[in-house]
Protein backbone atom coordinates (compact mmCIF):
# COMPACT_ATOMS: atom_id res chain seq x y z
CA UNK A 1 128.20 153.74 147.51
CA UNK A 2 130.88 151.69 145.86
CA UNK A 3 130.97 153.28 142.41
CA UNK A 4 131.14 151.30 139.27
CA UNK A 5 134.10 151.81 138.14
CA UNK A 6 135.80 150.41 141.55
CA UNK A 7 134.80 146.91 140.10
CA UNK A 8 136.71 147.68 136.44
CA UNK A 9 133.67 147.13 135.19
CA UNK A 10 133.40 148.11 131.41
CA UNK A 11 131.11 151.01 129.98
CA UNK A 12 129.37 148.49 127.67
CA UNK A 13 129.10 146.20 130.56
CA UNK A 14 127.35 148.76 132.45
CA UNK A 15 124.53 149.44 130.28
CA UNK A 16 123.35 145.82 130.49
CA UNK A 17 120.83 145.28 132.67
CA UNK A 18 120.08 141.82 133.53
CA UNK A 19 121.77 140.26 136.41
CA UNK A 20 122.48 143.33 138.00
CA UNK A 21 121.00 145.37 140.60
CA UNK A 22 120.11 148.84 141.23
CA UNK A 23 121.31 151.84 139.28
CA UNK A 24 124.84 152.86 139.46
CA UNK A 25 125.24 149.87 142.38
CA UNK A 26 126.46 147.15 139.52
CA UNK A 27 126.47 143.35 141.20
CA UNK A 28 128.63 141.39 139.69
CA UNK A 29 127.55 138.28 137.71
CA UNK A 30 131.22 136.07 137.63
CA UNK A 31 132.65 134.39 140.73
CA UNK A 32 131.61 137.01 143.54
CA UNK A 33 131.90 137.42 147.56
CA UNK A 34 130.20 139.83 150.25
CA UNK A 35 133.41 141.82 151.58
CA UNK A 36 132.74 144.39 154.95
CA UNK A 37 134.21 147.60 155.58
CA UNK A 38 134.54 146.80 159.56
CA UNK A 39 135.76 150.83 159.66
CA UNK A 40 132.36 151.87 158.57
CA UNK A 41 130.28 148.92 160.26
CA UNK A 42 128.57 150.00 163.54
CA UNK A 43 127.69 146.31 164.37
CA UNK A 44 123.92 147.19 163.62
CA UNK A 45 122.39 143.09 162.89
CA UNK A 46 120.10 144.87 160.30
CA UNK A 47 121.77 142.40 158.05
CA UNK A 48 121.25 139.69 160.05
CA UNK A 49 117.71 140.29 160.41
CA UNK A 50 117.58 140.37 156.26
CA UNK A 51 118.80 137.59 155.80
CA UNK A 52 117.48 135.46 158.16
CA UNK A 53 113.62 136.78 157.00
CA UNK A 54 114.54 135.75 153.34
CA UNK A 55 115.56 132.65 153.82
CA UNK A 56 113.36 131.72 156.37
CA UNK A 57 111.02 133.91 156.79
CA UNK A 58 111.45 134.91 160.24
CA UNK A 59 113.81 137.52 161.70
CA UNK A 60 115.97 135.81 164.22
CA UNK A 61 120.05 136.33 164.08
CA UNK A 62 120.69 132.32 164.95
CA UNK A 63 119.39 132.08 161.02
CA UNK A 64 121.50 134.36 159.32
CA UNK A 65 124.38 133.26 157.30
CA UNK A 66 126.20 136.78 157.93
CA UNK A 67 127.77 136.94 161.50
CA UNK A 68 128.25 140.06 163.13
CA UNK A 69 130.81 139.71 166.21
CA UNK A 70 131.06 142.98 168.14
CA UNK A 71 134.99 143.56 170.17
CA UNK A 72 136.29 146.06 172.47
CA UNK A 73 139.66 146.96 170.87
CA UNK A 74 139.55 149.05 172.93
CA UNK A 75 136.26 150.67 172.08
CA UNK A 76 133.76 148.35 170.73
CA UNK A 77 134.29 147.50 167.04
CA UNK A 78 132.09 145.14 165.02
CA UNK A 79 133.53 142.05 162.85
CA UNK A 80 131.55 140.33 159.86
CA UNK A 81 132.04 136.50 158.80
CA UNK A 82 130.46 135.26 156.15
CA UNK A 83 131.63 132.59 152.98
CA UNK A 84 133.75 133.87 151.10
CA UNK A 85 133.20 131.77 147.69
CA UNK A 86 136.60 130.18 148.28
CA UNK A 87 138.26 129.24 144.99
CA UNK A 88 138.32 125.42 144.33
CA UNK A 89 141.78 124.40 146.33
CA UNK A 90 140.75 126.57 149.12
CA UNK A 91 137.77 124.87 150.23
CA UNK A 92 138.36 122.97 153.72
CA UNK A 93 134.45 122.96 153.92
CA UNK A 94 134.36 121.15 150.73
CA UNK A 95 137.23 118.70 151.30
CA UNK A 96 135.95 117.49 154.47
CA UNK A 97 132.73 116.96 154.01
CA UNK A 98 133.31 112.94 154.19
CA UNK A 99 130.74 112.07 151.28
CA UNK A 100 131.17 111.07 147.12
CA UNK A 101 130.77 113.50 145.54
CA UNK A 102 131.01 115.88 148.88
CA UNK A 103 127.02 117.62 149.95
CA UNK A 104 129.15 120.98 150.01
CA UNK A 105 130.30 122.65 146.86
CA UNK A 106 130.46 124.97 144.37
CA UNK A 107 128.11 125.55 142.05
CA UNK A 108 129.56 126.40 138.67
CA UNK A 109 126.45 127.49 137.15
CA UNK A 110 124.92 129.78 140.45
CA UNK A 111 128.63 130.59 141.13
CA UNK A 112 128.77 130.08 144.84
CA UNK A 113 128.46 127.34 147.71
CA UNK A 114 125.74 124.66 148.17
CA UNK A 115 125.07 122.77 151.02
CA UNK A 116 123.26 120.07 149.40
CA UNK A 117 120.03 119.73 152.31
CA UNK A 118 118.78 116.27 150.82
CA UNK A 119 122.63 114.26 150.92
CA UNK A 120 123.50 116.77 153.97
CA UNK A 121 124.23 114.25 156.68
CA UNK A 122 123.54 117.23 159.76
CA UNK A 123 124.20 117.15 163.17
CA UNK A 124 125.75 114.21 163.23
CA UNK A 125 128.87 115.45 161.25
CA UNK A 126 128.84 118.86 160.47
CA UNK A 127 132.92 118.56 159.54
CA UNK A 128 132.23 121.43 157.22
CA UNK A 129 131.49 124.11 160.00
CA UNK A 130 134.49 122.98 161.42
CA UNK A 131 136.72 122.86 158.69
CA UNK A 132 135.78 126.42 157.46
CA UNK A 133 138.87 128.83 158.92
CA UNK A 134 136.38 131.61 159.05
CA UNK A 135 133.84 129.69 160.75
CA UNK A 136 131.14 131.15 157.71
CA UNK A 137 129.21 127.95 157.79
CA UNK A 138 126.59 127.79 160.34
CA UNK A 139 123.10 125.86 161.51
CA UNK A 140 120.84 126.17 164.60
CA UNK A 141 120.32 122.36 166.34
CA UNK A 142 116.57 123.02 166.50
CA UNK A 143 115.56 124.97 164.13
CA UNK A 144 118.03 124.33 161.38
CA UNK A 145 120.24 121.08 161.98
CA UNK A 146 121.83 121.00 158.84
CA UNK A 147 124.16 123.55 157.98
CA UNK A 148 123.42 125.83 155.81
CA UNK A 149 126.41 128.77 153.64
CA UNK A 150 125.84 132.14 152.08
CA UNK A 151 124.75 132.04 148.65
CA UNK A 152 124.36 135.31 147.77
CA UNK A 153 120.51 134.85 147.92
CA UNK A 154 120.21 133.15 144.95
CA UNK A 155 116.90 131.55 147.06
CA UNK A 156 115.44 130.39 142.98
CA UNK A 157 118.58 128.43 142.54
CA UNK A 158 118.74 130.18 138.85
CA UNK A 159 122.49 132.27 139.94
CA UNK A 160 120.06 135.25 140.19
CA UNK A 161 122.17 136.40 143.08
CA UNK A 162 121.18 139.72 145.13
CA UNK A 163 122.44 139.47 148.60
CA UNK A 164 119.84 141.37 150.96
CA UNK A 165 122.52 141.94 153.64
CA UNK A 166 124.17 144.70 150.91
CA UNK A 167 121.03 146.51 150.30
CA UNK A 168 120.13 146.89 153.85
CA UNK A 169 123.24 148.11 155.44
CA UNK A 170 122.38 151.51 156.36
CA UNK A 171 126.11 152.30 156.96
CA UNK A 172 127.06 150.81 153.56
CA UNK A 173 129.82 148.77 155.12
CA UNK A 174 129.21 145.95 152.78
CA UNK A 175 130.45 145.40 149.24
CA UNK A 176 129.16 142.86 147.10
CA UNK A 177 132.68 142.12 144.88
CA UNK A 178 133.41 140.91 141.72
CA UNK A 179 136.80 138.93 142.19
CA UNK A 180 138.11 139.49 138.06
CA UNK A 181 139.74 142.78 138.64
CA UNK A 182 141.09 142.18 141.96
CA UNK A 183 142.56 138.60 141.83
CA UNK A 184 141.83 136.18 144.80
CA UNK A 185 144.26 137.31 147.50
CA UNK A 186 141.87 140.15 148.59
CA UNK A 187 139.63 137.49 150.50
CA UNK A 188 142.63 136.98 152.53
CA UNK A 189 141.33 138.93 155.37
CA UNK A 190 137.52 137.95 154.22
CA UNK A 191 138.98 134.08 154.97
CA UNK A 192 140.33 135.17 158.77
CA UNK A 193 137.62 133.79 161.93
CA UNK A 194 136.14 136.95 164.04
CA UNK A 195 138.86 136.59 166.43
CA UNK A 196 141.61 136.96 164.04
CA UNK A 197 140.50 139.69 162.71
CA UNK A 198 139.69 141.69 165.40
CA UNK A 199 143.45 141.68 166.34
CA UNK A 200 144.11 142.69 163.56
CA UNK A 201 142.34 145.70 163.46
CA UNK A 202 143.52 146.21 167.17
CA UNK A 203 146.81 146.47 165.68
CA UNK A 204 146.14 148.90 162.90
CA UNK A 205 144.08 150.90 165.30
CA UNK A 206 145.33 150.71 168.40
CA UNK A 207 149.85 150.36 167.42
CA UNK A 208 151.80 148.72 170.90
CA UNK A 209 154.74 147.28 171.11
CA UNK A 210 154.98 143.80 171.19
CA UNK A 211 155.48 142.86 174.35
CA UNK A 212 152.37 144.54 175.55
CA UNK A 213 149.34 143.80 173.31
CA UNK A 214 146.38 142.43 174.48
CA UNK A 215 143.93 140.64 173.51
CA UNK A 216 140.97 141.87 172.42
CA UNK A 217 137.39 140.81 174.30
CA UNK A 218 134.42 139.21 172.41
CA UNK A 219 131.49 141.62 174.03
CA UNK A 220 128.62 139.88 171.97
């Protein structure tokens, strides 16, 4: 469980209830993102199930806005990928959109990335998905041909964000973090693609001489 003081939140703010989650587990009201502690993640995929159920009403990991990949490092380790709600100059997805104004953008009222499903060009484009450094924009050719991105479970489009993946994680590996106390640099790791995350974790857990460094294998 993440303690409130880790978020740098004042005592006065802790007493307010509007816009917050469970007791003693405050959800930030400013610009925030989902972070995973890969050392805790067991790769169960429950977060993906909760995400697809919340947004599409079905349990289908291919429809989840959070992805969990398992790598052999050499033991199995899970790596999580989801949108890190980039700051303006980092939004490669928005820059790549050929529409003017872009169909993918950061909503300053709801405080999360949005893909306008009515204006998006869908499968014949997908430039936003290719431009995302973390590969966090998803689509399903049959069930959801237009791309989708993590909206922090603001499904009513009113800015009331309540990430289901954070709630259901049995290992407590997912955190919904306010960026204000930390600055944007904390997301440098979150914005990396899964393969690069796995390499960094492998080097941390199993330090080897450079000439003998092996590549982690993607398991599932």
